[in-house]
Amino acid sequence: MTSSIASVTTAYNAARVLPRHLQALTQQTRSLQEIVVVDNASSDKTDKLLAEQYPDVTFFRLPENLGAAGAWSAGLEYAALQKRHDWIWTFDDDSVPQANALELLLNGIEELESSNPDLGMVAPLPVHVETGMYYPPLLWRDGFVKPSKELLSQPVWFADLVIASGCLVRREVVEKVGLPRSDFFMDFIDFEYCLRIRDAGYKIAVISCAKSAHEIGNAR
């Protein structure tokens, strides 16, 4: 594929976890055109780490902590609306995608696009490394519905709700649907955005062979 791909990582006091995350991004078998980190006014010298050790990373620091929602919104505005990358790969600072995750996701897009021109988002399967437990994407039927074992076993399937970390978001989606809601601050920002994407007629594909190490916190 000749698409331009940028990653956007939201960071807060992430000096300890960012090196492993950024190493995973730079070692992808399909190179990124730009790596972006949005710092939520960290107090642990995250900005110093990025300036000294990662000069090639596009980094900007928010004047105050706007939560994952505010940082995600700012990152998508920059990468999709200002720089106009075709797809934006979004992350929390502690996520670690497998080395060929981006390649697998893009291969999935290439296979799906001809028959699914309304493809708006593509997601991997998030996995907790220590326990091996997956956080499966969900279906929505006026409430959360877990996918069946049969559906989870499919190499490619369509969901309604996915977590943002590890997902590829199409620029056209951001242009049409808008940015994530900054006022949500932290929780359910991705689910609300997914519902808007689905309401606008876009599909969300899950590429089961693509994995991303991620641990989901407790929603408040």
N, C-alpha and C. Protein backbone atom coordinates (compact mmCIF):
# COMPACT_ATOMS: atom_id res chain seq x y z
N MET A 1 0.84 -1.19 0.00
CA MET A 1 0.00 0.00 0.00
C MET A 1 0.88 1.24 0.00
N THR A 2 0.41 2.29 -0.63
CA THR A 2 1.16 3.55 -0.70
C THR A 2 0.59 4.59 0.25
N SER A 3 -0.33 4.18 1.12
CA SER A 3 -0.94 5.13 2.06
C SER A 3 0.10 5.69 3.01
N SER A 4 -0.11 6.94 3.43
CA SER A 4 0.72 7.57 4.44
C SER A 4 0.14 7.25 5.81
N ILE A 5 0.98 6.69 6.68
CA ILE A 5 0.53 6.25 8.00
C ILE A 5 1.31 6.99 9.08
N ALA A 6 0.60 7.57 10.04
CA ALA A 6 1.23 8.17 11.21
C ALA A 6 0.69 7.49 12.46
N SER A 7 1.52 7.39 13.47
CA SER A 7 1.04 6.93 14.78
C SER A 7 0.85 8.13 15.68
N VAL A 8 -0.14 8.03 16.58
CA VAL A 8 -0.38 9.06 17.59
C VAL A 8 -0.47 8.37 18.94
N THR A 9 0.43 8.73 19.85
CA THR A 9 0.46 8.14 21.18
C THR A 9 0.14 9.20 22.22
N THR A 10 -0.81 8.90 23.09
CA THR A 10 -1.12 9.80 24.20
C THR A 10 -0.27 9.38 25.40
N ALA A 11 0.37 10.36 26.04
CA ALA A 11 1.32 10.04 27.11
C ALA A 11 1.06 10.90 28.34
N TYR A 12 1.20 10.28 29.50
CA TYR A 12 1.14 11.02 30.76
C TYR A 12 2.08 10.32 31.76
N ASN A 13 3.09 11.06 32.20
CA ASN A 13 4.09 10.50 33.11
C ASN A 13 4.55 9.13 32.60
N ALA A 14 5.02 9.13 31.37
CA ALA A 14 5.28 7.89 30.66
C ALA A 14 6.75 7.62 30.40
N ALA A 15 7.63 8.28 31.11
CA ALA A 15 9.06 8.12 30.86
C ALA A 15 9.51 6.67 31.04
N ARG A 16 8.86 5.93 31.92
CA ARG A 16 9.25 4.54 32.17
C ARG A 16 8.80 3.60 31.06
N VAL A 17 7.61 3.83 30.50
CA VAL A 17 7.04 2.87 29.54
C VAL A 17 7.24 3.28 28.08
N LEU A 18 7.49 4.54 27.82
CA LEU A 18 7.59 5.01 26.44
C LEU A 18 8.72 4.35 25.63
N PRO A 19 9.91 4.12 26.20
CA PRO A 19 10.97 3.52 25.39
C PRO A 19 10.57 2.18 24.76
N ARG A 20 9.92 1.33 25.52
CA ARG A 20 9.51 0.04 24.96
C ARG A 20 8.45 0.22 23.87
N HIS A 21 7.53 1.16 24.09
CA HIS A 21 6.49 1.44 23.11
C HIS A 21 7.09 2.01 21.82
N LEU A 22 7.97 2.99 21.95
CA LEU A 22 8.56 3.61 20.76
C LEU A 22 9.48 2.66 20.02
N GLN A 23 10.17 1.79 20.74
CA GLN A 23 10.99 0.78 20.08
C GLN A 23 10.13 -0.13 19.21
N ALA A 24 8.95 -0.50 19.73
CA ALA A 24 8.05 -1.35 18.95
C ALA A 24 7.57 -0.64 17.69
N LEU A 25 7.36 0.66 17.76
CA LEU A 25 6.92 1.42 16.59
C LEU A 25 8.03 1.54 15.55
N THR A 26 9.24 1.80 16.00
CA THR A 26 10.34 1.99 15.05
C THR A 26 10.79 0.68 14.42
N GLN A 27 10.44 -0.44 15.03
CA GLN A 27 10.87 -1.75 14.50
C GLN A 27 9.76 -2.46 13.72
N GLN A 28 8.73 -1.75 13.36
CA GLN A 28 7.67 -2.35 12.57
C GLN A 28 8.18 -2.78 11.20
N THR A 29 7.66 -3.90 10.70
CA THR A 29 8.06 -4.37 9.37
C THR A 29 7.50 -3.48 8.27
N ARG A 30 6.51 -2.67 8.57
CA ARG A 30 6.01 -1.64 7.65
C ARG A 30 6.26 -0.29 8.32
N SER A 31 7.13 0.52 7.74
CA SER A 31 7.56 1.76 8.39
C SER A 31 6.43 2.79 8.45
N LEU A 32 6.45 3.58 9.52
CA LEU A 32 5.54 4.70 9.68
C LEU A 32 6.14 5.95 9.04
N GLN A 33 5.30 6.80 8.48
CA GLN A 33 5.78 8.05 7.92
C GLN A 33 6.02 9.11 9.00
N GLU A 34 5.34 8.97 10.13
CA GLU A 34 5.53 9.93 11.23
C GLU A 34 5.08 9.27 12.53
N ILE A 35 5.85 9.49 13.58
CA ILE A 35 5.50 9.04 14.93
C ILE A 35 5.25 10.28 15.77
N VAL A 36 4.06 10.36 16.35
CA VAL A 36 3.63 11.54 17.10
C VAL A 36 3.34 11.14 18.55
N VAL A 37 3.84 11.92 19.49
CA VAL A 37 3.53 11.72 20.90
C VAL A 37 2.93 13.01 21.44
N VAL A 38 1.76 12.90 22.07
CA VAL A 38 1.10 14.05 22.69
C VAL A 38 1.22 13.88 24.20
N ASP A 39 1.95 14.79 24.84
CA ASP A 39 2.21 14.70 26.28
C ASP A 39 1.20 15.53 27.06
N ASN A 40 0.56 14.90 28.02
CA ASN A 40 -0.46 15.56 28.84
C ASN A 40 0.15 16.27 30.05
N ALA A 41 1.05 17.22 29.79
CA ALA A 41 1.66 18.01 30.86
C ALA A 41 2.27 17.12 31.94
N SER A 42 3.06 16.14 31.52
CA SER A 42 3.67 15.20 32.46
C SER A 42 4.64 15.92 33.41
N SER A 43 4.83 15.31 34.58
CA SER A 43 5.73 15.89 35.58
C SER A 43 6.96 15.00 35.81
N ASP A 44 7.14 13.96 34.99
CA ASP A 44 8.22 13.00 35.22
C ASP A 44 9.32 13.08 34.15
N LYS A 45 9.45 14.20 33.49
CA LYS A 45 10.48 14.42 32.48
C LYS A 45 10.27 13.60 31.21
N THR A 46 9.00 13.30 30.92
CA THR A 46 8.69 12.66 29.64
C THR A 46 9.20 13.51 28.48
N ASP A 47 9.02 14.83 28.59
CA ASP A 47 9.45 15.73 27.53
C ASP A 47 10.98 15.68 27.34
N LYS A 48 11.72 15.59 28.44
CA LYS A 48 13.19 15.51 28.35
C LYS A 48 13.62 14.22 27.68
N LEU A 49 12.96 13.12 28.03
CA LEU A 49 13.27 11.83 27.41
C LEU A 49 13.10 11.90 25.90
N LEU A 50 11.98 12.45 25.46
CA LEU A 50 11.71 12.51 24.03
C LEU A 50 12.69 13.44 23.31
N ALA A 51 12.98 14.58 23.91
CA ALA A 51 13.88 15.54 23.28
C ALA A 51 15.29 14.99 23.14
N GLU A 52 15.76 14.27 24.15
CA GLU A 52 17.15 13.82 24.16
C GLU A 52 17.35 12.49 23.42
N GLN A 53 16.38 11.58 23.51
CA GLN A 53 16.59 10.24 22.98
C GLN A 53 15.80 9.95 21.70
N TYR A 54 14.78 10.74 21.42
CA TYR A 54 13.94 10.46 20.25
C TYR A 54 13.72 11.74 19.44
N PRO A 55 14.78 12.30 18.87
CA PRO A 55 14.65 13.57 18.14
C PRO A 55 13.80 13.45 16.88
N ASP A 56 13.64 12.25 16.35
CA ASP A 56 12.86 12.08 15.12
C ASP A 56 11.36 11.98 15.39
N VAL A 57 10.97 11.87 16.66
CA VAL A 57 9.56 11.78 17.02
C VAL A 57 8.95 13.17 17.07
N THR A 58 7.80 13.34 16.44
CA THR A 58 7.08 14.60 16.54
C THR A 58 6.42 14.66 17.92
N PHE A 59 6.78 15.67 18.69
CA PHE A 59 6.34 15.73 20.08
C PHE A 59 5.74 17.10 20.37
N PHE A 60 4.56 17.10 20.96
CA PHE A 60 4.07 18.36 21.49
C PHE A 60 3.39 18.14 22.83
N ARG A 61 3.56 19.13 23.69
CA ARG A 61 3.16 19.05 25.09
C ARG A 61 1.95 19.95 25.30
N LEU A 62 0.88 19.38 25.85
CA LEU A 62 -0.31 20.17 26.16
C LEU A 62 -0.05 21.01 27.40
N PRO A 63 -0.64 22.20 27.49
CA PRO A 63 -0.37 23.08 28.64
C PRO A 63 -0.93 22.56 29.95
N GLU A 64 -1.90 21.65 29.87
CA GLU A 64 -2.46 21.03 31.07
C GLU A 64 -2.92 19.62 30.72
N ASN A 65 -3.16 18.82 31.77
CA ASN A 65 -3.59 17.45 31.56
C ASN A 65 -5.04 17.42 31.11
N LEU A 66 -5.27 17.09 29.84
CA LEU A 66 -6.62 17.02 29.28
C LEU A 66 -7.13 15.59 29.20
N GLY A 67 -6.40 14.67 29.85
CA GLY A 67 -6.81 13.28 29.82
C GLY A 67 -6.51 12.63 28.49
N ALA A 68 -6.73 11.31 28.45
CA ALA A 68 -6.51 10.59 27.20
C ALA A 68 -7.39 11.13 26.09
N ALA A 69 -8.59 11.58 26.45
CA ALA A 69 -9.53 12.09 25.45
C ALA A 69 -8.99 13.35 24.78
N GLY A 70 -8.52 14.29 25.61
CA GLY A 70 -8.00 15.54 25.05
C GLY A 70 -6.75 15.33 24.22
N ALA A 71 -5.87 14.44 24.70
CA ALA A 71 -4.64 14.18 23.96
C ALA A 71 -4.93 13.44 22.66
N TRP A 72 -5.84 12.50 22.69
CA TRP A 72 -6.21 11.76 21.48
C TRP A 72 -6.82 12.71 20.45
N SER A 73 -7.69 13.58 20.92
CA SER A 73 -8.31 14.55 20.03
C SER A 73 -7.26 15.47 19.41
N ALA A 74 -6.32 15.96 20.22
CA ALA A 74 -5.27 16.84 19.70
C ALA A 74 -4.38 16.12 18.70
N GLY A 75 -4.07 14.85 18.99
CA GLY A 75 -3.22 14.09 18.08
C GLY A 75 -3.89 13.81 16.75
N LEU A 76 -5.18 13.46 16.77
CA LEU A 76 -5.91 13.22 15.53
C LEU A 76 -6.07 14.50 14.72
N GLU A 77 -6.28 15.60 15.41
CA GLU A 77 -6.39 16.88 14.70
C GLU A 77 -5.10 17.18 13.95
N TYR A 78 -3.97 16.95 14.60
CA TYR A 78 -2.68 17.21 13.96
C TYR A 78 -2.42 16.25 12.80
N ALA A 79 -2.52 14.93 13.08
CA ALA A 79 -2.10 13.93 12.10
C ALA A 79 -3.07 13.79 10.94
N ALA A 80 -4.38 13.91 11.24
CA ALA A 80 -5.38 13.71 10.18
C ALA A 80 -5.74 15.01 9.49
N LEU A 81 -6.02 16.06 10.26
CA LEU A 81 -6.55 17.28 9.67
C LEU A 81 -5.46 18.26 9.23
N GLN A 82 -4.34 18.30 9.96
CA GLN A 82 -3.26 19.20 9.56
C GLN A 82 -2.27 18.52 8.60
N LYS A 83 -1.74 17.38 8.99
CA LYS A 83 -0.74 16.69 8.16
C LYS A 83 -1.38 15.81 7.09
N ARG A 84 -2.63 15.47 7.25
CA ARG A 84 -3.43 14.73 6.27
C ARG A 84 -2.82 13.37 5.92
N HIS A 85 -2.39 12.65 6.94
CA HIS A 85 -2.02 11.25 6.74
C HIS A 85 -3.29 10.46 6.44
N ASP A 86 -3.15 9.41 5.64
CA ASP A 86 -4.31 8.63 5.23
C ASP A 86 -4.92 7.82 6.38
N TRP A 87 -4.05 7.22 7.20
CA TRP A 87 -4.49 6.44 8.35
C TRP A 87 -3.68 6.86 9.56
N ILE A 88 -4.32 6.86 10.72
CA ILE A 88 -3.64 7.23 11.97
C ILE A 88 -3.75 6.06 12.93
N TRP A 89 -2.58 5.58 13.37
CA TRP A 89 -2.49 4.43 14.28
C TRP A 89 -2.41 4.97 15.70
N THR A 90 -3.42 4.75 16.51
CA THR A 90 -3.52 5.42 17.80
C THR A 90 -3.16 4.49 18.96
N PHE A 91 -2.50 5.06 19.99
CA PHE A 91 -1.99 4.25 21.09
C PHE A 91 -2.07 4.97 22.43
N ASP A 92 -2.20 4.16 23.49
CA ASP A 92 -1.83 4.59 24.83
C ASP A 92 -0.32 4.37 24.97
N ASP A 93 0.29 5.04 25.94
CA ASP A 93 1.75 5.01 26.02
C ASP A 93 2.33 3.67 26.46
N ASP A 94 1.49 2.79 27.04
CA ASP A 94 2.02 1.50 27.50
C ASP A 94 1.73 0.35 26.55
N SER A 95 1.14 0.63 25.40
CA SER A 95 0.83 -0.42 24.44
C SER A 95 2.07 -0.81 23.65
N VAL A 96 2.19 -2.11 23.34
CA VAL A 96 3.34 -2.61 22.59
C VAL A 96 2.84 -3.52 21.47
N PRO A 97 2.73 -3.01 20.25
CA PRO A 97 2.29 -3.85 19.14
C PRO A 97 3.38 -4.82 18.72
N GLN A 98 2.96 -6.01 18.25
CA GLN A 98 3.94 -6.95 17.73
C GLN A 98 4.60 -6.36 16.49
N ALA A 99 5.77 -6.88 16.14
CA ALA A 99 6.61 -6.25 15.12
C ALA A 99 5.93 -6.15 13.76
N ASN A 100 5.04 -7.08 13.43
CA ASN A 100 4.37 -7.03 12.12
C ASN A 100 2.92 -6.61 12.22
N ALA A 101 2.53 -5.98 13.36
CA ALA A 101 1.14 -5.60 13.56
C ALA A 101 0.64 -4.64 12.49
N LEU A 102 1.42 -3.60 12.19
CA LEU A 102 0.99 -2.62 11.20
C LEU A 102 0.88 -3.27 9.82
N GLU A 103 1.83 -4.11 9.48
CA GLU A 103 1.78 -4.79 8.19
C GLU A 103 0.53 -5.66 8.07
N LEU A 104 0.19 -6.37 9.14
CA LEU A 104 -1.00 -7.22 9.12
C LEU A 104 -2.28 -6.39 9.01
N LEU A 105 -2.32 -5.28 9.70
CA LEU A 105 -3.49 -4.41 9.62
C LEU A 105 -3.66 -3.83 8.22
N LEU A 106 -2.54 -3.40 7.63
CA LEU A 106 -2.61 -2.83 6.28
C LEU A 106 -2.95 -3.89 5.24
N ASN A 107 -2.46 -5.12 5.44
CA ASN A 107 -2.84 -6.20 4.54
C ASN A 107 -4.34 -6.45 4.62
N GLY A 108 -4.88 -6.37 5.84
CA GLY A 108 -6.32 -6.53 6.01
C GLY A 108 -7.10 -5.44 5.31
N ILE A 109 -6.62 -4.22 5.39
CA ILE A 109 -7.28 -3.10 4.69
C ILE A 109 -7.27 -3.33 3.19
N GLU A 110 -6.11 -3.75 2.68
CA GLU A 110 -5.98 -3.97 1.24
C GLU A 110 -6.96 -5.04 0.75
N GLU A 111 -7.14 -6.09 1.54
CA GLU A 111 -8.06 -7.16 1.16
C GLU A 111 -9.52 -6.73 1.26
N LEU A 112 -9.82 -5.84 2.19
CA LEU A 112 -11.21 -5.48 2.47
C LEU A 112 -11.72 -4.30 1.64
N GLU A 113 -10.81 -3.39 1.26
CA GLU A 113 -11.27 -2.10 0.72
C GLU A 113 -12.11 -2.22 -0.55
N SER A 114 -11.78 -3.14 -1.42
CA SER A 114 -12.52 -3.23 -2.69
C SER A 114 -13.98 -3.57 -2.46
N SER A 115 -14.25 -4.41 -1.47
CA SER A 115 -15.64 -4.80 -1.19
C SER A 115 -16.25 -4.03 -0.03
N ASN A 116 -15.42 -3.23 0.66
CA ASN A 116 -15.91 -2.45 1.80
C ASN A 116 -15.36 -1.02 1.72
N PRO A 117 -15.85 -0.22 0.77
CA PRO A 117 -15.35 1.15 0.65
C PRO A 117 -15.69 2.02 1.86
N ASP A 118 -16.61 1.53 2.70
CA ASP A 118 -17.00 2.27 3.89
C ASP A 118 -16.21 1.84 5.12
N LEU A 119 -15.05 1.24 4.91
CA LEU A 119 -14.18 0.84 6.02
C LEU A 119 -13.59 2.08 6.68
N GLY A 120 -13.86 2.26 7.97
CA GLY A 120 -13.41 3.47 8.64
C GLY A 120 -12.38 3.27 9.72
N MET A 121 -12.33 2.07 10.29
CA MET A 121 -11.39 1.79 11.37
C MET A 121 -11.02 0.31 11.31
N VAL A 122 -9.76 0.02 11.66
CA VAL A 122 -9.27 -1.36 11.68
C VAL A 122 -8.57 -1.59 13.01
N ALA A 123 -8.91 -2.71 13.66
CA ALA A 123 -8.41 -2.96 15.01
C ALA A 123 -7.69 -4.29 15.11
N PRO A 124 -6.65 -4.36 15.95
CA PRO A 124 -6.03 -5.63 16.29
C PRO A 124 -6.76 -6.25 17.47
N LEU A 125 -6.26 -7.39 17.96
CA LEU A 125 -6.76 -7.96 19.20
C LEU A 125 -5.83 -7.54 20.33
N PRO A 126 -6.32 -6.74 21.30
CA PRO A 126 -5.48 -6.39 22.44
C PRO A 126 -5.34 -7.60 23.37
N VAL A 127 -4.13 -7.79 23.89
CA VAL A 127 -3.88 -8.95 24.76
C VAL A 127 -3.09 -8.51 25.98
N HIS A 128 -3.46 -9.06 27.15
CA HIS A 128 -2.70 -8.85 28.37
C HIS A 128 -1.55 -9.84 28.38
N VAL A 129 -0.32 -9.35 28.34
CA VAL A 129 0.85 -10.21 28.14
C VAL A 129 1.01 -11.22 29.27
N GLU A 130 0.83 -10.78 30.51
CA GLU A 130 1.09 -11.67 31.64
C GLU A 130 0.07 -12.80 31.73
N THR A 131 -1.19 -12.50 31.45
CA THR A 131 -2.24 -13.50 31.59
C THR A 131 -2.62 -14.17 30.27
N GLY A 132 -2.26 -13.53 29.14
CA GLY A 132 -2.66 -14.05 27.85
C GLY A 132 -4.12 -13.81 27.52
N MET A 133 -4.80 -13.01 28.35
CA MET A 133 -6.22 -12.76 28.15
C MET A 133 -6.44 -11.69 27.09
N TYR A 134 -7.39 -11.95 26.20
CA TYR A 134 -7.75 -10.98 25.18
C TYR A 134 -8.84 -10.05 25.68
N TYR A 135 -8.82 -8.83 25.14
CA TYR A 135 -9.91 -7.88 25.38
C TYR A 135 -10.70 -7.78 24.08
N PRO A 136 -11.68 -8.65 23.87
CA PRO A 136 -12.32 -8.70 22.55
C PRO A 136 -13.14 -7.46 22.26
N PRO A 137 -13.11 -6.99 21.01
CA PRO A 137 -14.05 -5.96 20.59
C PRO A 137 -15.48 -6.44 20.82
N LEU A 138 -16.41 -5.50 20.87
CA LEU A 138 -17.79 -5.82 21.23
C LEU A 138 -18.75 -5.46 20.10
N LEU A 139 -19.92 -6.04 20.18
CA LEU A 139 -21.03 -5.67 19.33
C LEU A 139 -21.98 -4.79 20.15
N TRP A 140 -22.83 -4.05 19.46
CA TRP A 140 -23.77 -3.17 20.16
C TRP A 140 -25.19 -3.47 19.71
N ARG A 141 -26.01 -3.89 20.66
CA ARG A 141 -27.43 -4.13 20.39
C ARG A 141 -28.23 -3.46 21.50
N ASP A 142 -28.18 -2.12 21.50
CA ASP A 142 -28.74 -1.34 22.61
C ASP A 142 -28.08 -1.74 23.93
N GLY A 143 -26.83 -2.09 23.86
CA GLY A 143 -26.05 -2.51 25.02
C GLY A 143 -24.84 -3.30 24.55
N PHE A 144 -23.93 -3.61 25.45
CA PHE A 144 -22.71 -4.32 25.11
C PHE A 144 -23.02 -5.80 24.89
N VAL A 145 -22.54 -6.35 23.77
CA VAL A 145 -22.71 -7.76 23.46
C VAL A 145 -21.35 -8.35 23.12
N LYS A 146 -20.95 -9.41 23.84
CA LYS A 146 -19.68 -10.05 23.56
C LYS A 146 -19.78 -10.90 22.30
N PRO A 147 -18.74 -10.91 21.49
CA PRO A 147 -18.76 -11.75 20.27
C PRO A 147 -18.73 -13.23 20.64
N SER A 148 -19.31 -14.04 19.79
CA SER A 148 -19.31 -15.48 20.02
C SER A 148 -17.92 -16.06 19.75
N LYS A 149 -17.69 -17.28 20.22
CA LYS A 149 -16.41 -17.95 19.96
C LYS A 149 -16.21 -18.14 18.46
N GLU A 150 -17.30 -18.41 17.75
CA GLU A 150 -17.22 -18.60 16.31
C GLU A 150 -16.76 -17.33 15.62
N LEU A 151 -17.31 -16.19 16.07
CA LEU A 151 -16.92 -14.92 15.47
C LEU A 151 -15.47 -14.58 15.79
N LEU A 152 -15.06 -14.83 17.03
CA LEU A 152 -13.69 -14.54 17.43
C LEU A 152 -12.68 -15.40 16.68
N SER A 153 -13.11 -16.55 16.21
CA SER A 153 -12.20 -17.43 15.49
C SER A 153 -12.01 -17.03 14.03
N GLN A 154 -12.82 -16.08 13.55
CA GLN A 154 -12.69 -15.64 12.16
C GLN A 154 -11.44 -14.78 11.99
N PRO A 155 -10.73 -14.91 10.88
CA PRO A 155 -9.52 -14.09 10.67
C PRO A 155 -9.83 -12.60 10.53
N VAL A 156 -10.99 -12.29 9.95
CA VAL A 156 -11.45 -10.90 9.82
C VAL A 156 -12.94 -10.87 10.13
N TRP A 157 -13.34 -9.95 11.00
CA TRP A 157 -14.77 -9.80 11.29
C TRP A 157 -15.04 -8.34 11.64
N PHE A 158 -16.30 -8.00 11.78
CA PHE A 158 -16.68 -6.60 12.00
C PHE A 158 -17.30 -6.42 13.38
N ALA A 159 -16.86 -5.38 14.07
CA ALA A 159 -17.33 -5.07 15.42
C ALA A 159 -17.97 -3.69 15.43
N ASP A 160 -18.55 -3.35 16.57
CA ASP A 160 -19.13 -2.01 16.76
C ASP A 160 -18.31 -1.18 17.73
N LEU A 161 -17.64 -1.85 18.68
CA LEU A 161 -16.91 -1.13 19.73
C LEU A 161 -15.53 -1.75 19.90
N VAL A 162 -14.50 -0.93 19.78
CA VAL A 162 -13.12 -1.38 19.99
C VAL A 162 -12.40 -0.36 20.85
N ILE A 163 -11.34 -0.79 21.53
CA ILE A 163 -10.55 0.19 22.28
C ILE A 163 -9.63 0.92 21.29
N ALA A 164 -9.37 2.17 21.59
CA ALA A 164 -8.64 3.01 20.64
C ALA A 164 -7.20 2.58 20.46
N SER A 165 -6.57 2.10 21.53
CA SER A 165 -5.15 1.78 21.45
C SER A 165 -4.91 0.62 20.50
N GLY A 166 -4.11 0.88 19.48
CA GLY A 166 -3.79 -0.13 18.47
C GLY A 166 -4.61 -0.01 17.21
N CYS A 167 -5.62 0.87 17.20
CA CYS A 167 -6.51 0.98 16.04
C CYS A 167 -5.97 1.94 14.98
N LEU A 168 -6.27 1.60 13.73
CA LEU A 168 -6.03 2.51 12.62
C LEU A 168 -7.33 3.25 12.30
N VAL A 169 -7.26 4.57 12.29
CA VAL A 169 -8.42 5.40 11.99
C VAL A 169 -8.20 6.10 10.66
N ARG A 170 -9.17 6.01 9.78
CA ARG A 170 -9.06 6.63 8.46
C ARG A 170 -9.25 8.14 8.56
N ARG A 171 -8.44 8.89 7.80
CA ARG A 171 -8.56 10.35 7.83
C ARG A 171 -9.96 10.81 7.46
N GLU A 172 -10.56 10.19 6.49
CA GLU A 172 -11.91 10.55 6.05
C GLU A 172 -12.91 10.49 7.19
N VAL A 173 -12.72 9.54 8.11
CA VAL A 173 -13.61 9.41 9.27
C VAL A 173 -13.50 10.65 10.15
N VAL A 174 -12.27 11.08 10.41
CA VAL A 174 -12.07 12.26 11.26
C VAL A 174 -12.67 13.49 10.59
N GLU A 175 -12.52 13.59 9.28
CA GLU A 175 -13.07 14.72 8.56
C GLU A 175 -14.60 14.75 8.61
N LYS A 176 -15.22 13.58 8.55
CA LYS A 176 -16.67 13.52 8.51
C LYS A 176 -17.31 13.47 9.90
N VAL A 177 -16.73 12.67 10.79
CA VAL A 177 -17.33 12.43 12.11
C VAL A 177 -16.87 13.46 13.13
N GLY A 178 -15.69 14.01 12.92
CA GLY A 178 -15.14 14.95 13.89
C GLY A 178 -14.15 14.27 14.81
N LEU A 179 -13.75 14.97 15.85
CA LEU A 179 -12.74 14.48 16.80
C LEU A 179 -13.39 13.82 18.00
N PRO A 180 -12.65 12.99 18.73
CA PRO A 180 -13.18 12.43 19.98
C PRO A 180 -13.56 13.53 20.96
N ARG A 181 -14.46 13.20 21.86
CA ARG A 181 -14.95 14.18 22.82
C ARG A 181 -13.95 14.39 23.96
N SER A 182 -13.34 15.55 23.99
CA SER A 182 -12.34 15.85 25.02
C SER A 182 -12.95 15.89 26.42
N ASP A 183 -14.24 16.21 26.52
CA ASP A 183 -14.86 16.34 27.84
C ASP A 183 -15.05 14.99 28.53
N PHE A 184 -14.84 13.88 27.81
CA PHE A 184 -14.92 12.57 28.46
C PHE A 184 -13.68 12.30 29.31
N PHE A 185 -12.62 13.03 29.07
CA PHE A 185 -11.35 13.00 29.80
C PHE A 185 -10.64 11.66 29.67
N MET A 186 -11.24 10.56 30.16
CA MET A 186 -10.52 9.29 30.20
C MET A 186 -11.35 8.11 29.71
N ASP A 187 -12.49 7.87 30.32
CA ASP A 187 -13.20 6.61 30.12
C ASP A 187 -14.23 6.66 29.00
N PHE A 188 -14.33 5.56 28.26
CA PHE A 188 -15.33 5.35 27.22
C PHE A 188 -15.22 6.31 26.04
N ILE A 189 -14.10 6.99 25.92
CA ILE A 189 -13.94 7.90 24.78
C ILE A 189 -13.93 7.11 23.47
N ASP A 190 -13.29 5.94 23.50
CA ASP A 190 -13.21 5.15 22.27
C ASP A 190 -14.55 4.54 21.91
N PHE A 191 -15.31 4.07 22.90
CA PHE A 191 -16.62 3.48 22.60
C PHE A 191 -17.57 4.53 22.05
N GLU A 192 -17.55 5.73 22.61
CA GLU A 192 -18.42 6.80 22.10
C GLU A 192 -18.04 7.15 20.67
N TYR A 193 -16.72 7.19 20.40
CA TYR A 193 -16.27 7.52 19.06
C TYR A 193 -16.66 6.42 18.07
N CYS A 194 -16.53 5.17 18.50
CA CYS A 194 -16.93 4.05 17.64
C CYS A 194 -18.42 4.13 17.29
N LEU A 195 -19.25 4.47 18.25
CA LEU A 195 -20.68 4.56 17.98
C LEU A 195 -20.98 5.67 16.97
N ARG A 196 -20.23 6.78 17.06
CA ARG A 196 -20.40 7.84 16.06
C ARG A 196 -19.94 7.37 14.67
N ILE A 197 -18.84 6.62 14.65
CA ILE A 197 -18.34 6.10 13.38
C ILE A 197 -19.36 5.16 12.75
N ARG A 198 -19.91 4.27 13.55
CA ARG A 198 -20.90 3.33 13.04
C ARG A 198 -22.17 4.06 12.60
N ASP A 199 -22.57 5.07 13.37
CA ASP A 199 -23.78 5.84 13.04
C ASP A 199 -23.61 6.57 11.71
N ALA A 200 -22.37 6.94 11.38
CA ALA A 200 -22.09 7.62 10.12
C ALA A 200 -22.00 6.66 8.94
N GLY A 201 -22.15 5.35 9.20
CA GLY A 201 -22.17 4.37 8.13
C GLY A 201 -20.85 3.69 7.85
N TYR A 202 -19.84 3.92 8.70
CA TYR A 202 -18.54 3.28 8.50
C TYR A 202 -18.48 1.94 9.23
N LYS A 203 -17.64 1.04 8.72
CA LYS A 203 -17.43 -0.26 9.34
C LYS A 203 -16.14 -0.27 10.14
N ILE A 204 -16.11 -1.13 11.17
CA ILE A 204 -14.93 -1.32 12.00
C ILE A 204 -14.51 -2.78 11.87
N ALA A 205 -13.37 -3.02 11.25
CA ALA A 205 -12.90 -4.38 11.02
C ALA A 205 -11.91 -4.79 12.10
N VAL A 206 -11.96 -6.06 12.48
CA VAL A 206 -11.01 -6.64 13.42
C VAL A 206 -10.14 -7.65 12.68
N ILE A 207 -8.82 -7.45 12.74
CA ILE A 207 -7.88 -8.36 12.11
C ILE A 207 -7.30 -9.24 13.23
N SER A 208 -7.80 -10.44 13.34
CA SER A 208 -7.52 -11.27 14.52
C SER A 208 -6.05 -11.65 14.66
N CYS A 209 -5.32 -11.76 13.56
CA CYS A 209 -3.92 -12.17 13.65
C CYS A 209 -3.01 -11.05 14.12
N ALA A 210 -3.47 -9.81 14.09
CA ALA A 210 -2.68 -8.68 14.58
C ALA A 210 -2.89 -8.54 16.08
N LYS A 211 -1.80 -8.51 16.83
CA LYS A 211 -1.87 -8.46 18.28
C LYS A 211 -1.17 -7.21 18.81
N SER A 212 -1.68 -6.71 19.94
CA SER A 212 -1.06 -5.56 20.59
C SER A 212 -1.14 -5.76 22.10
N ALA A 213 0.01 -5.73 22.76
CA ALA A 213 0.03 -5.89 24.21
C ALA A 213 -0.54 -4.63 24.86
N HIS A 214 -1.55 -4.82 25.69
CA HIS A 214 -2.21 -3.68 26.32
C HIS A 214 -2.95 -4.14 27.55
N GLU A 215 -2.91 -3.31 28.59
CA GLU A 215 -3.65 -3.61 29.81
C GLU A 215 -4.69 -2.54 30.04
N ILE A 216 -5.94 -2.94 30.15
CA ILE A 216 -7.04 -1.99 30.32
C ILE A 216 -7.24 -1.74 31.81
N GLY A 217 -7.32 -0.47 32.17
CA GLY A 217 -7.57 -0.11 33.57
C GLY A 217 -9.02 -0.24 33.95
N ASN A 218 -9.33 0.08 35.18
CA ASN A 218 -10.71 0.03 35.66
C ASN A 218 -11.43 1.34 35.34
N ALA A 219 -12.55 1.24 34.63
CA ALA A 219 -13.32 2.44 34.28
C ALA A 219 -13.93 3.02 35.56
N ARG A 220 -14.01 4.35 35.59
CA ARG A 220 -14.56 5.03 36.75
C ARG A 220 -15.92 5.60 36.40
